[in-house]
């Protein structure tokens, strides 16, 4: 969802983009996407679970102060 201005007034309204947002936080590990409980596997499994008719709108990853990865995946619902 995002903010938009209504064409009927000057009020801002929430636009409905019908998306799903998934946040994955995990420790940084060099483990491959085939290793149970690894960050790579967790991200890979989630991406593979998204229906192939849905568009992935955004994937962003940051390194937190605690030294963990936080990944935000936004896709169509």
N, C-alpha and C. Protein backbone atom coordinates (compact mmCIF):
# COMPACT_ATOMS: atom_id res chain seq x y z
N UNK A 1 0.83 -1.17 0.00
CA UNK A 1 0.00 0.00 0.00
C UNK A 1 0.88 1.24 0.00
N UNK A 2 0.36 2.33 -0.50
CA UNK A 2 1.07 3.59 -0.50
C UNK A 2 0.08 4.73 -0.42
N UNK A 3 0.58 5.91 -0.20
CA UNK A 3 -0.29 7.07 -0.08
C UNK A 3 -0.54 7.68 -1.44
N UNK A 4 -1.75 8.11 -1.69
CA UNK A 4 -2.12 8.77 -2.94
C UNK A 4 -3.14 9.85 -2.60
N UNK A 5 -3.25 10.83 -3.47
CA UNK A 5 -4.25 11.88 -3.27
C UNK A 5 -5.53 11.48 -3.98
N UNK A 6 -6.62 11.55 -3.27
CA UNK A 6 -7.92 11.20 -3.84
C UNK A 6 -8.29 12.21 -4.92
N UNK A 7 -8.81 11.73 -6.08
CA UNK A 7 -9.24 12.67 -7.12
C UNK A 7 -10.49 13.45 -6.72
N UNK A 8 -11.15 13.05 -5.63
CA UNK A 8 -12.39 13.67 -5.20
C UNK A 8 -12.21 14.68 -4.08
N UNK A 9 -11.01 14.74 -3.52
CA UNK A 9 -10.74 15.70 -2.45
C UNK A 9 -9.24 15.90 -2.37
N UNK A 10 -8.82 16.80 -1.51
CA UNK A 10 -7.40 17.02 -1.31
C UNK A 10 -6.83 16.12 -0.22
N UNK A 11 -7.64 15.20 0.27
CA UNK A 11 -7.19 14.30 1.32
C UNK A 11 -6.34 13.18 0.75
N UNK A 12 -5.31 12.81 1.52
CA UNK A 12 -4.51 11.66 1.13
C UNK A 12 -5.23 10.40 1.57
N UNK A 13 -5.24 9.41 0.70
CA UNK A 13 -5.86 8.13 1.02
C UNK A 13 -4.85 7.03 0.78
N UNK A 14 -5.05 5.91 1.44
CA UNK A 14 -4.17 4.77 1.28
C UNK A 14 -4.56 4.03 0.00
N UNK A 15 -3.59 3.88 -0.92
CA UNK A 15 -3.84 3.12 -2.15
C UNK A 15 -3.69 1.64 -1.85
N UNK A 16 -4.48 0.81 -2.51
CA UNK A 16 -4.43 -0.62 -2.28
C UNK A 16 -3.69 -1.30 -3.44
N UNK A 17 -2.47 -1.72 -3.19
CA UNK A 17 -1.67 -2.36 -4.23
C UNK A 17 -1.78 -3.88 -4.18
N UNK A 18 -2.49 -4.43 -3.20
CA UNK A 18 -2.69 -5.87 -3.08
C UNK A 18 -1.37 -6.63 -3.10
N UNK A 19 -0.48 -6.26 -2.18
CA UNK A 19 0.82 -6.91 -2.10
C UNK A 19 1.00 -7.62 -0.77
N UNK A 20 1.98 -8.49 -0.73
CA UNK A 20 2.39 -9.19 0.48
C UNK A 20 3.83 -8.78 0.78
N UNK A 21 4.12 -8.47 2.03
CA UNK A 21 5.47 -8.11 2.44
C UNK A 21 5.97 -9.15 3.42
N UNK A 22 7.12 -9.73 3.12
CA UNK A 22 7.75 -10.73 3.98
C UNK A 22 9.08 -10.18 4.45
N UNK A 23 9.32 -10.24 5.77
CA UNK A 23 10.59 -9.81 6.34
C UNK A 23 11.29 -11.05 6.90
N UNK A 24 12.51 -11.28 6.44
CA UNK A 24 13.30 -12.43 6.90
C UNK A 24 14.53 -11.88 7.59
N UNK A 25 14.73 -12.27 8.85
CA UNK A 25 15.91 -11.85 9.61
C UNK A 25 16.63 -13.12 10.04
N UNK A 26 17.92 -13.20 9.74
CA UNK A 26 18.67 -14.40 10.07
C UNK A 26 20.14 -14.04 10.22
N UNK A 27 20.87 -14.93 10.87
CA UNK A 27 22.31 -14.73 11.04
C UNK A 27 23.02 -14.88 9.70
N UNK A 28 24.11 -14.16 9.55
CA UNK A 28 24.93 -14.25 8.35
C UNK A 28 25.73 -15.55 8.42
N UNK A 29 25.52 -16.41 7.44
CA UNK A 29 26.26 -17.67 7.37
C UNK A 29 26.69 -17.91 5.93
N UNK A 30 27.79 -18.60 5.73
CA UNK A 30 28.22 -18.92 4.38
C UNK A 30 27.52 -20.15 3.82
N UNK A 31 26.59 -20.71 4.58
CA UNK A 31 25.93 -21.96 4.18
C UNK A 31 25.11 -21.77 2.90
N UNK A 32 25.11 -22.79 2.10
CA UNK A 32 24.38 -22.77 0.84
C UNK A 32 22.88 -22.88 1.06
N UNK A 33 22.12 -22.67 -0.02
CA UNK A 33 20.67 -22.71 0.09
C UNK A 33 20.13 -24.13 0.29
N UNK A 34 21.01 -25.10 0.36
CA UNK A 34 20.58 -26.48 0.63
C UNK A 34 20.78 -26.87 2.10
N UNK A 35 21.37 -25.96 2.89
CA UNK A 35 21.67 -26.25 4.29
C UNK A 35 20.51 -25.79 5.17
N UNK A 36 19.94 -26.72 5.92
CA UNK A 36 18.81 -26.44 6.79
C UNK A 36 19.09 -25.28 7.72
N UNK A 37 18.11 -24.38 7.88
CA UNK A 37 18.15 -23.22 8.78
C UNK A 37 19.15 -22.14 8.38
N UNK A 38 19.76 -22.24 7.20
CA UNK A 38 20.67 -21.18 6.76
C UNK A 38 19.86 -20.01 6.22
N UNK A 39 20.47 -18.84 6.22
CA UNK A 39 19.82 -17.64 5.67
C UNK A 39 19.48 -17.86 4.20
N UNK A 40 20.42 -18.39 3.44
CA UNK A 40 20.19 -18.62 2.01
C UNK A 40 19.01 -19.56 1.78
N UNK A 41 18.91 -20.59 2.57
CA UNK A 41 17.80 -21.54 2.40
C UNK A 41 16.47 -20.89 2.75
N UNK A 42 16.46 -20.11 3.82
CA UNK A 42 15.22 -19.45 4.22
C UNK A 42 14.71 -18.51 3.13
N UNK A 43 15.62 -17.71 2.55
CA UNK A 43 15.23 -16.79 1.47
C UNK A 43 14.81 -17.59 0.24
N UNK A 44 15.61 -18.58 -0.13
CA UNK A 44 15.31 -19.40 -1.31
C UNK A 44 13.97 -20.11 -1.18
N UNK A 45 13.70 -20.70 -0.03
CA UNK A 45 12.43 -21.40 0.18
C UNK A 45 11.25 -20.45 0.06
N UNK A 46 11.39 -19.24 0.61
CA UNK A 46 10.28 -18.29 0.51
C UNK A 46 10.06 -17.87 -0.94
N UNK A 47 11.13 -17.56 -1.65
CA UNK A 47 10.99 -17.16 -3.06
C UNK A 47 10.36 -18.27 -3.89
N UNK A 48 10.74 -19.50 -3.63
CA UNK A 48 10.16 -20.62 -4.37
C UNK A 48 8.70 -20.87 -4.00
N UNK A 49 8.26 -20.38 -2.84
CA UNK A 49 6.87 -20.57 -2.43
C UNK A 49 5.91 -19.58 -3.09
N UNK A 50 6.46 -18.52 -3.69
CA UNK A 50 5.60 -17.51 -4.33
C UNK A 50 5.10 -18.07 -5.65
N UNK A 51 3.80 -17.98 -5.84
CA UNK A 51 3.17 -18.45 -7.08
C UNK A 51 3.83 -17.77 -8.27
N UNK A 52 4.15 -18.54 -9.31
CA UNK A 52 4.87 -17.98 -10.45
C UNK A 52 4.06 -16.99 -11.27
N UNK A 53 2.77 -16.82 -10.94
CA UNK A 53 1.97 -15.81 -11.62
C UNK A 53 2.05 -14.46 -10.90
N UNK A 54 2.71 -14.43 -9.76
CA UNK A 54 2.83 -13.21 -8.96
C UNK A 54 4.13 -12.50 -9.29
N UNK A 55 4.09 -11.18 -9.38
CA UNK A 55 5.27 -10.38 -9.67
C UNK A 55 5.97 -10.00 -8.38
N UNK A 56 7.28 -10.21 -8.34
CA UNK A 56 8.08 -9.74 -7.21
C UNK A 56 8.34 -8.26 -7.46
N UNK A 57 7.90 -7.41 -6.57
CA UNK A 57 8.01 -5.95 -6.73
C UNK A 57 9.33 -5.41 -6.20
N UNK A 58 9.85 -6.02 -5.14
CA UNK A 58 11.06 -5.49 -4.53
C UNK A 58 11.70 -6.54 -3.62
N UNK A 59 13.02 -6.57 -3.64
CA UNK A 59 13.79 -7.35 -2.66
C UNK A 59 14.92 -6.44 -2.19
N UNK A 60 14.96 -6.18 -0.90
CA UNK A 60 15.99 -5.34 -0.31
C UNK A 60 16.59 -6.06 0.89
N UNK A 61 17.90 -5.96 1.04
CA UNK A 61 18.58 -6.59 2.17
C UNK A 61 19.51 -5.58 2.83
N UNK A 62 19.50 -5.58 4.16
CA UNK A 62 20.43 -4.74 4.92
C UNK A 62 21.16 -5.61 5.94
N UNK A 63 22.27 -5.12 6.41
CA UNK A 63 23.00 -5.75 7.51
C UNK A 63 22.68 -4.94 8.76
N UNK A 64 22.09 -5.58 9.75
CA UNK A 64 21.69 -4.88 10.97
C UNK A 64 22.90 -4.60 11.85
N UNK A 65 22.71 -3.74 12.85
CA UNK A 65 23.79 -3.44 13.80
C UNK A 65 24.24 -4.69 14.55
N UNK A 66 23.34 -5.65 14.68
CA UNK A 66 23.66 -6.88 15.40
C UNK A 66 24.41 -7.88 14.51
N UNK A 67 24.66 -7.52 13.26
CA UNK A 67 25.38 -8.40 12.36
C UNK A 67 24.52 -9.47 11.71
N UNK A 68 23.22 -9.20 11.61
CA UNK A 68 22.29 -10.14 10.98
C UNK A 68 21.78 -9.53 9.68
N UNK A 69 21.35 -10.38 8.75
CA UNK A 69 20.72 -9.90 7.53
C UNK A 69 19.23 -9.72 7.78
N UNK A 70 18.68 -8.66 7.24
CA UNK A 70 17.23 -8.45 7.22
C UNK A 70 16.85 -8.24 5.76
N UNK A 71 16.01 -9.11 5.24
CA UNK A 71 15.57 -9.03 3.85
C UNK A 71 14.08 -8.78 3.81
N UNK A 72 13.67 -7.81 2.99
CA UNK A 72 12.26 -7.49 2.80
C UNK A 72 11.91 -7.85 1.36
N UNK A 73 10.93 -8.72 1.21
CA UNK A 73 10.46 -9.16 -0.10
C UNK A 73 9.01 -8.71 -0.26
N UNK A 74 8.73 -7.94 -1.29
CA UNK A 74 7.37 -7.48 -1.58
C UNK A 74 6.94 -8.08 -2.91
N UNK A 75 5.77 -8.74 -2.90
CA UNK A 75 5.27 -9.35 -4.13
C UNK A 75 3.75 -9.23 -4.17
N UNK A 76 3.20 -9.42 -5.36
CA UNK A 76 1.75 -9.39 -5.52
C UNK A 76 1.11 -10.48 -4.67
N UNK A 77 -0.07 -10.17 -4.16
CA UNK A 77 -0.81 -11.15 -3.35
C UNK A 77 -1.64 -12.05 -4.25
